[in-house]
Structures are given as structure tokens and as C-alpha cells.
Amino acid sequence: MDFNDTPEEAAFRKEVRAWLDANATRKIDDKASFRARNDDPELLTKAKAWQDKKAKAGYARITWPKEYGGRGGSPILQVIYQQEEANYLVPLGFFDIGLGMCIPTMMAYAAPEHLKRYVKPALHGDEVWCQLFSEPAAGSDVAGIRTKAERDGDGWVINGQKVWTSGAHYSDYGIIITRTDPSVPKHQGLTMFFLSMKAPGVEVRPIKQMSGGANFNEVFFTNVRIPDSQRLGNVGEGWKAALTTLMNERLAVGMPSGGLDVDELMELARDTDLEDGPAIRNQQVRSKIADWYVQQQGLKLTRYRTLTALSKGQTPGPESSIIKIVAAPKMQDMGAFAMELMGPGGIMKEEVPHAAGFQAQWIGGAGFRIAGGTDEILRNIVAERVLGMPADVRVDKDVPFNKLKG
């Protein structure tokens, strides 16, 4: 591993820092950042303004071709920008799905006139995109979807339901995977489209979370009509298009950022008194913190492998899957431990300074263990593609979808 910037990378990092210093406010601490992200009703408006400012400066999507508003830069330059931006109090998260998953899929399959129409507004934050994949009966098994698209003249009619769709309630457009042929095995009868989330027949219902938020949604489609020109890829080859999206999703989700970590947990332990004195002096507390510190360092070094590969122009290996397998449970377990350490105060979000962040981390950790691939799916990826272990037995492999039971 090489932890040092090349001269080109160091110059770019200096450029980015200077621009951020001139256009954003540096973070004071992560707790202030948490409050700013969650307590501001104008956050989406501010996020759109920040996205537009980044796009005009050429930082919104550094790796994209110049004709699409990017710089044609290397992935490591994108990483450097994200590393530096993480130190500033700016509104993030609204465009990750659209720019990280949806628009790259559009670039791979959409017609040139559609790219001309949709890429720039997405890049500048004028339009937000969502990804319509998961369904009530098809979460991790994306190929098991039942939402159907049927031919109707020179267009298609879509009926069905999606669920856990992040950001659908504020999105303008989405990419959707549908079943167009139920008479063939499930991976073969899929077709992908893009559509307007404001089209007649599209109904978005936010799902209330136990945290009090409603960040993801159910989306219902009732006789939604779209032209064939909004198809992405060939009919029946939706799985191929879906893999393009899912590969980008793995990279976009990666390791959680902006959460509270070992440093904040140590601070909490210093400020919390147990029956035998300060929690930081309790052997069991110290042992827990030490375990998470070791995990944190392992995650950092594993991420450096990815960064080193990117810096050399290489394709990263399975690091993103490994990182998420470790990081997501760690995030949730630390939140639970911190709340237990605070006792009754751990459930008092507003009155206890530490509680809001750790409580949100504990609650949100469950979702992060699902987003971008469940723990089980990622373990299968590592087992089969890294360790070379036998693949899971698939009894439905060659069975037409309409012949499957259940």
C-alpha cells in the first residue's frame, strides 16, 4: 500500500481544500453535523444549491466525461474530493443514488438524446433520481420481482409495487426493473425502464421509521404508461442492466460516513459514571472499545487497499463487500452499547447530548445492513468470488418464473 498522494494528487487536494474553504464551513464536530443534517427543514433546498455550486466548479462528478459535466478525471481524484468534503458542514446524501447508480446506468443504456436531456439537470441538482428495485416478495433476490410491464402498441403499461425506495418522495425520476416475460426463468424475463415519478398512476407512500423519519417508501404503479423509448437495454435483458446498477450501488454504499465512532464512544465513556467509577476505567467497557478500535483500524487499512488500487488506475477487488460486512454491524453494535452505557438517558434524544447521534446510529444500522446488499448476500459474494467456495444450490435456476411456487 502507498498512503501518500502523488504530486498530482497532492496538488488536486490543495486545490479542493482552497475551494471548500472559500465556499463552505468547516465542521466543528460530528454531533453538530448530525444535528444539521436532521433538524433542518430546508435541507433539500440547500442540498440542491450546494450540488449546483459543485457542478459549476467541476467537482460534482469528477470521473464523468467532460461532455457530461465531469472532468474526465481518475477515480482517486473523486475519492480525494470526497475525503476533503467530509470535513465541511455541507448537505449531502440526496444525490448519491441518482449520480452514483441511476445516471451511470442511463449512460450505459439510454439514447443520446435522453442523456442530453437528463444528465445535466441531475448533475446540477435540479432533478433527483431514485432506484426502483426491491419489492415485498423480492428484496435481496432482485430477480424475483413481480412488477410487470406489458406491451401496448408503441409503449408499455406498468403495474405493481416497489418498497424500501430511498428518496422516492422527493425524486423526479427513477429507473425501474420490471418483468416482461413470466414464461422464462426469472433472470431472463426482466426489462429495465426509466420513468417520471410524477407520471399518472405513480403513488408514493413514505414508510414511517422507528427513528421518526421517513426516508424510504412504498411506490405503487397502476396502469402507468411509458413510451418504448424509455426502455434501457433490450427487452428481456434487464438483469444485465440491473447488474450495472448493482455494481455501482456496492461502490456508492461502501462504508458509512458521518456517524459517531470510537473517538466519540471514548468521550462518552469518559463523561459517564458507573457504580465503580468512570466508565472509561471499567475493564469490560475498555475491552469493548478496544475491539471496535481494532475493527476501525482494519477497516481503514482495507479501504486504503481500494484507494491504492484506484490511484494506480486498477479496478478495486472485493474490499467494498468486506468493508460493509464489518462496518454495518459495528455501527449498529456501537450504537446499542452507547445507549446501554447511558442508561435511561440513552432514549432521550433531545436532552442528552450524545444520545441523538448514537440512537440514530443504532436505529439506522439495521437499514445499512440491508442497503447495498444484505450481510448474507455479501458473505456469499466473498465466499464464492473470493474464496472460491461452491455456489448456493438454486432449485429455481431453469424453472419458468410463472411455474415457481410461492
Protein backbone atom coordinates (compact mmCIF):
# COMPACT_ATOMS: atom_id res chain seq x y z
CA MET A 1 0.00 0.00 0.00
CA ASP A 2 1.04 3.57 -0.67
CA PHE A 3 -0.60 6.02 1.74
CA ASN A 4 0.94 9.12 0.18
CA ASP A 5 -0.52 11.35 -2.53
CA THR A 6 1.33 11.59 -5.81
CA PRO A 7 2.39 15.13 -6.75
CA GLU A 8 -0.70 15.40 -8.99
CA GLU A 9 -2.97 14.15 -6.21
CA ALA A 10 -1.41 16.48 -3.64
CA ALA A 11 -1.93 19.47 -5.95
CA PHE A 12 -5.54 18.48 -6.51
CA ARG A 13 -6.11 18.07 -2.77
CA LYS A 14 -4.71 21.54 -2.17
CA GLU A 15 -6.98 22.95 -4.89
CA VAL A 16 -10.05 21.26 -3.37
CA ARG A 17 -9.27 22.49 0.15
CA ALA A 18 -8.90 26.04 -1.09
CA TRP A 19 -12.23 25.88 -2.91
CA LEU A 20 -14.03 24.33 0.07
CA ASP A 21 -12.55 26.91 2.45
CA ALA A 22 -13.93 29.64 0.20
CA ASN A 23 -17.38 28.09 -0.26
CA ALA A 24 -18.24 26.02 2.84
CA THR A 25 -17.96 25.98 6.62
CA ARG A 26 -15.54 23.55 8.23
CA LYS A 27 -17.09 21.08 10.68
CA ILE A 28 -16.70 21.74 14.38
CA ASP A 29 -17.63 18.20 15.39
CA ASP A 30 -19.68 15.28 14.11
CA LYS A 31 -22.50 15.91 16.60
CA ALA A 32 -23.08 19.37 15.12
CA SER A 33 -23.01 17.79 11.69
CA PHE A 34 -25.62 15.24 12.78
CA ARG A 35 -27.95 17.95 14.09
CA ALA A 36 -27.55 19.99 10.91
CA ARG A 37 -28.45 17.01 8.73
CA ASN A 38 -31.52 16.02 10.68
CA ASP A 39 -33.07 19.20 12.08
CA ASP A 40 -33.17 21.49 9.04
CA PRO A 41 -36.49 21.55 7.12
CA GLU A 42 -34.78 23.39 4.24
CA LEU A 43 -32.08 20.75 3.85
CA LEU A 44 -33.16 19.57 0.38
CA THR A 45 -33.22 23.14 -0.94
CA LYS A 46 -29.77 23.77 0.49
CA ALA A 47 -28.50 20.46 -0.89
CA LYS A 48 -29.67 21.40 -4.39
CA ALA A 49 -27.90 24.76 -4.13
CA TRP A 50 -24.68 23.08 -2.94
CA GLN A 51 -24.89 20.47 -5.70
CA ASP A 52 -25.25 23.20 -8.31
CA LYS A 53 -22.26 25.06 -6.90
CA LYS A 54 -20.16 21.89 -7.01
CA ALA A 55 -21.24 21.12 -10.57
CA LYS A 56 -20.34 24.60 -11.79
CA ALA A 57 -16.90 24.24 -10.19
CA GLY A 58 -16.37 20.82 -11.79
CA TYR A 59 -16.40 18.82 -8.56
CA ALA A 60 -19.85 17.17 -8.74
CA ARG A 61 -18.72 14.08 -10.69
CA ILE A 62 -15.01 14.22 -11.36
CA THR A 63 -14.77 10.86 -13.16
CA TRP A 64 -17.55 11.58 -15.67
CA PRO A 65 -16.62 12.53 -19.25
CA LYS A 66 -16.30 16.25 -19.88
CA GLU A 67 -19.27 16.23 -22.27
CA TYR A 68 -21.47 15.20 -19.34
CA GLY A 69 -20.16 17.87 -16.99
CA GLY A 70 -17.34 15.88 -15.42
CA ARG A 71 -13.57 16.33 -15.57
CA GLY A 72 -12.66 13.00 -17.10
CA GLY A 73 -10.53 12.52 -14.00
CA SER A 74 -9.37 9.36 -12.27
CA PRO A 75 -11.40 7.67 -9.50
CA ILE A 76 -8.76 8.58 -6.93
CA LEU A 77 -9.41 12.28 -7.59
CA GLN A 78 -13.09 11.70 -6.82
CA VAL A 79 -12.07 9.96 -3.61
CA ILE A 80 -9.79 12.85 -2.64
CA TYR A 81 -12.59 15.35 -3.15
CA GLN A 82 -14.96 13.25 -1.00
CA GLN A 83 -12.33 12.93 1.72
CA GLU A 84 -11.90 16.68 1.87
CA GLU A 85 -15.62 17.50 1.59
CA ALA A 86 -16.29 15.23 4.59
CA ASN A 87 -14.54 17.83 6.76
CA TYR A 88 -17.11 20.52 5.94
CA LEU A 89 -20.66 21.16 7.07
CA VAL A 90 -22.43 20.71 3.73
CA PRO A 91 -25.74 18.97 2.90
CA LEU A 92 -25.12 15.55 1.36
CA GLY A 93 -26.97 12.33 0.56
CA PHE A 94 -29.80 13.43 -1.72
CA PHE A 95 -27.95 12.75 -4.97
CA ASP A 96 -25.92 9.64 -4.14
CA ILE A 97 -28.43 7.23 -5.69
CA GLY A 98 -29.09 9.29 -8.78
CA LEU A 99 -25.49 10.17 -9.59
CA GLY A 100 -23.94 7.01 -8.19
CA MET A 101 -26.35 4.43 -9.64
CA CYS A 102 -29.13 5.74 -11.89
CA ILE A 103 -27.31 8.12 -14.21
CA PRO A 104 -24.35 5.71 -14.76
CA THR A 105 -26.94 3.10 -15.81
CA MET A 106 -28.53 5.69 -18.12
CA MET A 107 -25.09 6.41 -19.61
CA ALA A 108 -24.69 2.72 -20.37
CA TYR A 109 -28.11 2.15 -21.97
CA ALA A 110 -30.03 5.37 -22.71
CA ALA A 111 -30.24 7.06 -26.12
CA PRO A 112 -28.01 10.12 -26.73
CA GLU A 113 -30.98 12.48 -26.76
CA HIS A 114 -32.02 11.24 -23.31
CA LEU A 115 -28.52 11.74 -21.94
CA LYS A 116 -28.54 15.27 -23.31
CA ARG A 117 -31.87 15.90 -21.59
CA TYR A 118 -31.37 14.23 -18.19
CA VAL A 119 -27.68 14.13 -17.20
CA LYS A 120 -27.03 17.85 -16.69
CA PRO A 121 -30.16 18.53 -14.54
CA ALA A 122 -29.23 15.55 -12.34
CA LEU A 123 -25.63 16.69 -12.03
CA HIS A 124 -26.64 20.22 -11.02
CA GLY A 125 -29.25 19.04 -8.51
CA ASP A 126 -32.26 20.32 -10.45
CA GLU A 127 -33.71 16.80 -10.68
CA VAL A 128 -33.40 13.91 -8.22
CA TRP A 129 -33.46 10.22 -9.19
CA CYS A 130 -34.33 7.04 -7.28
CA GLN A 131 -33.84 3.32 -7.87
CA LEU A 132 -36.98 1.15 -8.05
CA PHE A 133 -35.78 -2.41 -7.48
CA SER A 134 -36.87 -4.05 -4.20
CA GLU A 135 -40.38 -5.45 -3.75
CA PRO A 136 -42.29 -7.02 -0.83
CA ALA A 137 -41.51 -10.52 -2.14
CA ALA A 138 -38.14 -9.68 -3.72
CA GLY A 139 -35.64 -7.85 -1.56
CA SER A 140 -32.20 -9.40 -1.84
CA ASP A 141 -33.49 -11.62 -4.65
CA VAL A 142 -33.87 -8.80 -7.16
CA ALA A 143 -34.63 -11.25 -9.99
CA GLY A 144 -37.73 -12.42 -8.11
CA ILE A 145 -39.69 -9.22 -8.82
CA ARG A 146 -43.36 -9.31 -9.82
CA THR A 147 -43.98 -5.75 -11.06
CA LYS A 148 -44.93 -6.29 -14.68
CA ALA A 149 -44.62 -4.24 -17.85
CA GLU A 150 -46.87 -5.24 -20.75
CA ARG A 151 -46.65 -4.11 -24.36
CA ASP A 152 -49.34 -1.71 -25.51
CA GLY A 153 -48.79 -0.51 -29.05
CA ASP A 154 -45.58 1.51 -29.18
CA GLY A 155 -45.39 1.75 -25.39
CA TRP A 156 -45.65 -0.18 -22.13
CA VAL A 157 -48.08 -0.36 -19.21
CA ILE A 158 -46.58 -0.93 -15.76
CA ASN A 159 -48.45 -2.39 -12.77
CA GLY A 160 -47.02 -3.46 -9.44
CA GLN A 161 -45.34 -2.32 -6.25
CA LYS A 162 -41.85 -1.42 -5.08
CA VAL A 163 -40.74 -0.99 -1.47
CA TRP A 164 -37.83 0.46 0.55
CA THR A 165 -37.25 3.02 -2.23
CA SER A 166 -34.98 5.65 -0.71
CA GLY A 167 -35.84 9.22 -1.65
CA ALA A 168 -38.85 8.39 -3.81
CA HIS A 169 -40.89 11.07 -2.02
CA TYR A 170 -38.65 13.85 -3.31
CA SER A 171 -37.47 12.26 -6.57
CA ASP A 172 -38.38 13.46 -10.04
CA TYR A 173 -37.34 10.35 -11.98
CA GLY A 174 -36.42 6.74 -11.35
CA ILE A 175 -35.06 3.64 -13.04
CA ILE A 176 -37.28 0.58 -12.66
CA ILE A 177 -36.78 -3.13 -13.22
CA THR A 178 -39.91 -4.97 -14.41
CA ARG A 179 -40.99 -8.44 -15.50
CA THR A 180 -41.90 -8.54 -19.18
CA ASP A 181 -41.92 -12.31 -19.73
CA PRO A 182 -43.01 -14.66 -16.92
CA SER A 183 -42.68 -17.77 -19.13
CA VAL A 184 -38.87 -17.92 -18.86
CA PRO A 185 -36.54 -18.35 -15.84
CA LYS A 186 -36.61 -15.33 -13.57
CA HIS A 187 -33.31 -13.74 -14.63
CA GLN A 188 -34.26 -13.88 -18.32
CA GLY A 189 -37.67 -12.20 -18.34
CA LEU A 190 -36.71 -8.76 -16.99
CA THR A 191 -36.59 -5.36 -18.70
CA MET A 192 -35.46 -2.00 -17.31
CA PHE A 193 -37.01 1.40 -17.98
CA PHE A 194 -36.80 4.93 -16.65
CA LEU A 195 -39.87 6.99 -15.82
CA SER A 196 -41.17 10.16 -14.23
CA MET A 197 -42.14 9.82 -10.57
CA LYS A 198 -44.89 12.37 -11.31
CA ALA A 199 -46.48 10.25 -14.07
CA PRO A 200 -50.20 9.38 -13.73
CA GLY A 201 -50.61 6.14 -11.81
CA VAL A 202 -47.45 6.51 -9.68
CA GLU A 203 -48.23 6.73 -5.96
CA VAL A 204 -45.53 7.21 -3.33
CA ARG A 205 -46.25 6.34 0.31
CA PRO A 206 -43.48 7.18 2.82
CA ILE A 207 -42.75 4.45 5.37
CA LYS A 208 -42.57 5.81 8.92
CA GLN A 209 -39.42 4.57 10.64
CA MET A 210 -38.96 3.96 14.34
CA SER A 211 -36.47 6.83 14.33
CA GLY A 212 -39.34 9.18 13.48
CA GLY A 213 -38.07 9.79 9.97
CA ALA A 214 -39.50 8.59 6.65
CA ASN A 215 -36.57 8.29 4.27
CA PHE A 216 -37.79 5.36 2.22
CA ASN A 217 -41.10 4.50 0.66
CA GLU A 218 -43.59 2.15 -0.89
CA VAL A 219 -44.28 3.01 -4.54
CA PHE A 220 -47.36 1.74 -6.34
CA PHE A 221 -47.81 1.63 -10.12
CA THR A 222 -51.32 1.46 -11.54
CA ASN A 223 -51.55 1.38 -15.35
CA VAL A 224 -48.52 3.65 -15.70
CA ARG A 225 -47.93 4.25 -19.41
CA ILE A 226 -44.47 4.97 -20.79
CA PRO A 227 -43.09 5.00 -24.35
CA ASP A 228 -40.74 2.28 -25.56
CA SER A 229 -38.06 4.96 -25.96
CA GLN A 230 -37.70 4.91 -22.15
CA ARG A 231 -36.51 1.31 -22.19
CA LEU A 232 -32.91 0.79 -21.01
CA GLY A 233 -31.33 -2.08 -22.90
CA ASN A 234 -33.02 -4.84 -24.85
CA VAL A 235 -36.29 -6.48 -23.89
CA GLY A 236 -35.53 -9.44 -21.64
CA GLU A 237 -32.04 -8.19 -20.79
CA GLY A 238 -33.00 -6.20 -17.70
CA TRP A 239 -30.83 -8.34 -15.45
CA LYS A 240 -27.76 -7.20 -17.38
CA ALA A 241 -28.79 -3.57 -16.86
CA ALA A 242 -29.59 -4.27 -13.21
CA LEU A 243 -26.08 -5.63 -12.62
CA THR A 244 -24.68 -2.34 -13.92
CA THR A 245 -26.74 -0.54 -11.29
CA LEU A 246 -25.92 -3.00 -8.50
CA MET A 247 -22.17 -2.81 -9.13
CA ASN A 248 -22.37 0.97 -8.85
CA GLU A 249 -24.51 0.56 -5.72
CA ARG A 250 -21.83 -1.51 -3.99
CA LEU A 251 -19.31 1.28 -4.57
CA ALA A 252 -21.76 4.06 -3.65
CA VAL A 253 -22.86 2.48 -0.36
CA GLY A 254 -19.42 1.23 0.77
CA MET A 255 -18.58 2.27 4.31
CA PRO A 256 -20.91 4.53 6.33
CA SER A 257 -19.73 8.10 6.79
CA GLY A 258 -20.73 10.86 9.16
CA GLY A 259 -21.62 8.52 12.02
CA LEU A 260 -20.18 8.54 15.53
CA ASP A 261 -17.21 6.25 16.01
CA VAL A 262 -14.65 5.08 18.57
CA ASP A 263 -13.45 8.59 19.45
CA GLU A 264 -16.98 9.69 20.35
CA LEU A 265 -17.58 6.46 22.27
CA MET A 266 -14.41 7.08 24.32
CA GLU A 267 -15.59 10.61 25.02
CA LEU A 268 -18.92 9.23 26.21
CA ALA A 269 -17.14 6.69 28.44
CA ARG A 270 -15.07 9.48 30.00
CA ASP A 271 -18.21 11.50 30.77
CA THR A 272 -20.27 8.58 32.13
CA ASP A 273 -20.02 7.37 35.73
CA LEU A 274 -20.76 3.75 36.66
CA GLU A 275 -21.00 2.27 40.17
CA ASP A 276 -17.25 1.61 40.21
CA GLY A 277 -16.24 4.99 38.78
CA PRO A 278 -15.84 6.49 35.29
CA ALA A 279 -16.90 4.07 32.55
CA ILE A 280 -13.59 4.56 30.73
CA ARG A 281 -11.84 2.78 33.65
CA ASN A 282 -14.20 -0.22 33.62
CA GLN A 283 -12.43 -3.26 32.17
CA GLN A 284 -15.45 -4.53 30.23
CA VAL A 285 -16.04 -1.10 28.68
CA ARG A 286 -12.37 -0.78 27.78
CA SER A 287 -12.38 -4.24 26.21
CA LYS A 288 -15.39 -3.36 24.03
CA ILE A 289 -13.82 -0.09 22.90
CA ALA A 290 -10.53 -1.87 22.15
CA ASP A 291 -12.32 -4.43 19.94
CA TRP A 292 -14.04 -1.68 17.96
CA TYR A 293 -10.81 0.29 17.69
CA VAL A 294 -9.13 -2.75 16.13
CA GLN A 295 -12.04 -3.12 13.69
CA GLN A 296 -11.85 0.59 12.86
CA GLN A 297 -8.16 0.35 12.03
CA GLY A 298 -8.74 -2.79 9.97
CA LEU A 299 -11.48 -1.04 8.00
CA LYS A 300 -9.26 1.98 7.41
CA LEU A 301 -6.38 -0.14 6.12
CA THR A 302 -8.69 -2.25 3.96
CA ARG A 303 -10.12 0.93 2.47
CA TYR A 304 -6.56 2.07 1.76
CA ARG A 305 -6.19 -1.02 -0.44
CA THR A 306 -9.10 0.23 -2.52
CA LEU A 307 -7.63 3.74 -2.67
CA THR A 308 -4.22 2.37 -3.67
CA ALA A 309 -5.80 0.37 -6.49
CA LEU A 310 -7.71 3.43 -7.69
CA SER A 311 -4.57 5.56 -7.50
CA LYS A 312 -2.81 3.07 -9.80
CA GLY A 313 -5.72 3.03 -12.22
CA GLN A 314 -6.68 -0.52 -11.23
CA THR A 315 -10.14 -1.93 -10.58
CA PRO A 316 -10.73 -2.47 -6.83
CA GLY A 317 -11.31 -6.01 -5.65
CA PRO A 318 -13.88 -7.27 -3.14
CA GLU A 319 -12.89 -4.72 -0.49
CA SER A 320 -16.21 -2.87 -0.59
CA SER A 321 -18.11 -6.06 0.28
CA ILE A 322 -15.69 -6.93 3.08
CA ILE A 323 -15.79 -3.38 4.47
CA LYS A 324 -19.57 -3.34 4.62
CA ILE A 325 -19.79 -6.80 6.24
CA VAL A 326 -17.70 -5.46 9.14
CA ALA A 327 -18.73 -1.79 9.21
CA ALA A 328 -22.52 -2.16 9.29
CA PRO A 329 -22.74 -4.50 12.35
CA LYS A 330 -20.04 -2.42 14.07
CA MET A 331 -22.10 0.72 13.52
CA GLN A 332 -25.21 -0.88 14.99
CA ASP A 333 -23.44 -2.62 17.90
CA MET A 334 -21.64 0.55 18.96
CA GLY A 335 -24.91 2.48 18.96
CA ALA A 336 -26.58 -0.17 21.13
CA PHE A 337 -23.65 -0.27 23.55
CA ALA A 338 -23.54 3.53 23.88
CA MET A 339 -27.28 3.67 24.61
CA GLU A 340 -26.89 0.95 27.24
CA LEU A 341 -23.99 2.85 28.77
CA MET A 342 -26.14 5.98 29.07
CA GLY A 343 -28.93 4.04 30.78
CA PRO A 344 -32.36 5.74 30.67
CA GLY A 345 -30.73 8.82 29.17
CA GLY A 346 -29.93 6.81 26.04
CA ILE A 347 -33.51 7.04 24.85
CA MET A 348 -33.82 10.80 25.47
CA LYS A 349 -32.81 12.15 22.09
CA GLU A 350 -33.01 15.88 22.72
CA GLU A 351 -31.97 16.22 26.36
CA VAL A 352 -28.80 14.11 26.31
CA PRO A 353 -26.02 15.47 24.03
CA HIS A 354 -24.62 12.09 22.99
CA ALA A 355 -27.95 10.28 22.72
CA ALA A 356 -29.20 11.68 19.40
CA GLY A 357 -26.22 10.51 17.38
CA PHE A 358 -25.81 7.07 18.94
CA GLN A 359 -29.56 6.45 18.96
CA ALA A 360 -29.79 7.29 15.25
CA GLN A 361 -26.77 5.07 14.62
CA TRP A 362 -28.35 2.11 16.39
CA ILE A 363 -31.66 2.52 14.58
CA GLY A 364 -30.10 3.31 11.20
CA GLY A 365 -27.61 0.47 11.43
CA ALA A 366 -30.33 -2.08 10.74
CA GLY A 367 -31.14 -0.40 7.44
CA PHE A 368 -27.50 -0.07 6.48
CA ARG A 369 -27.12 -3.85 6.89
CA ILE A 370 -29.72 -4.21 4.14
CA ALA A 371 -28.91 -1.32 1.78
CA GLY A 372 -26.46 -2.17 -0.97
CA GLY A 373 -26.69 -5.90 -0.24
CA THR A 374 -27.58 -7.71 2.96
CA ASP A 375 -24.95 -9.24 5.22
CA GLU A 376 -25.88 -12.67 3.83
CA ILE A 377 -25.60 -11.61 0.18
CA LEU A 378 -22.21 -10.01 0.74
CA ARG A 379 -20.92 -13.06 2.61
CA ASN A 380 -21.99 -15.17 -0.37
CA ILE A 381 -20.09 -12.84 -2.70
CA VAL A 382 -16.93 -13.14 -0.61
CA ALA A 383 -17.34 -16.92 -0.21
CA GLU A 384 -17.99 -17.64 -3.88
CA ARG A 385 -15.97 -14.99 -5.72
CA VAL A 386 -13.04 -14.51 -3.35
CA LEU A 387 -12.62 -17.81 -1.56
CA GLY A 388 -13.81 -19.95 -4.47
CA MET A 389 -16.33 -21.89 -2.39
CA PRO A 390 -19.23 -23.74 -4.08
CA ALA A 391 -22.22 -21.59 -5.01
CA ASP A 392 -25.55 -21.93 -3.23
CA VAL A 393 -27.86 -24.58 -4.65
CA ARG A 394 -30.51 -22.89 -6.83
CA VAL A 395 -33.55 -25.08 -7.37
CA ASP A 396 -35.22 -22.33 -9.45
CA LYS A 397 -32.36 -21.89 -11.92
CA ASP A 398 -34.04 -23.25 -15.05
CA VAL A 399 -37.68 -23.02 -13.98
CA PRO A 400 -40.01 -20.52 -15.73
CA PHE A 401 -41.00 -17.77 -13.34
CA ASN A 402 -44.73 -18.50 -13.65
CA LYS A 403 -44.07 -22.11 -12.61
CA LEU A 404 -42.36 -21.20 -9.34
CA LYS A 405 -44.24 -21.92 -6.15
CA GLY A 406 -44.93 -19.28 -3.53
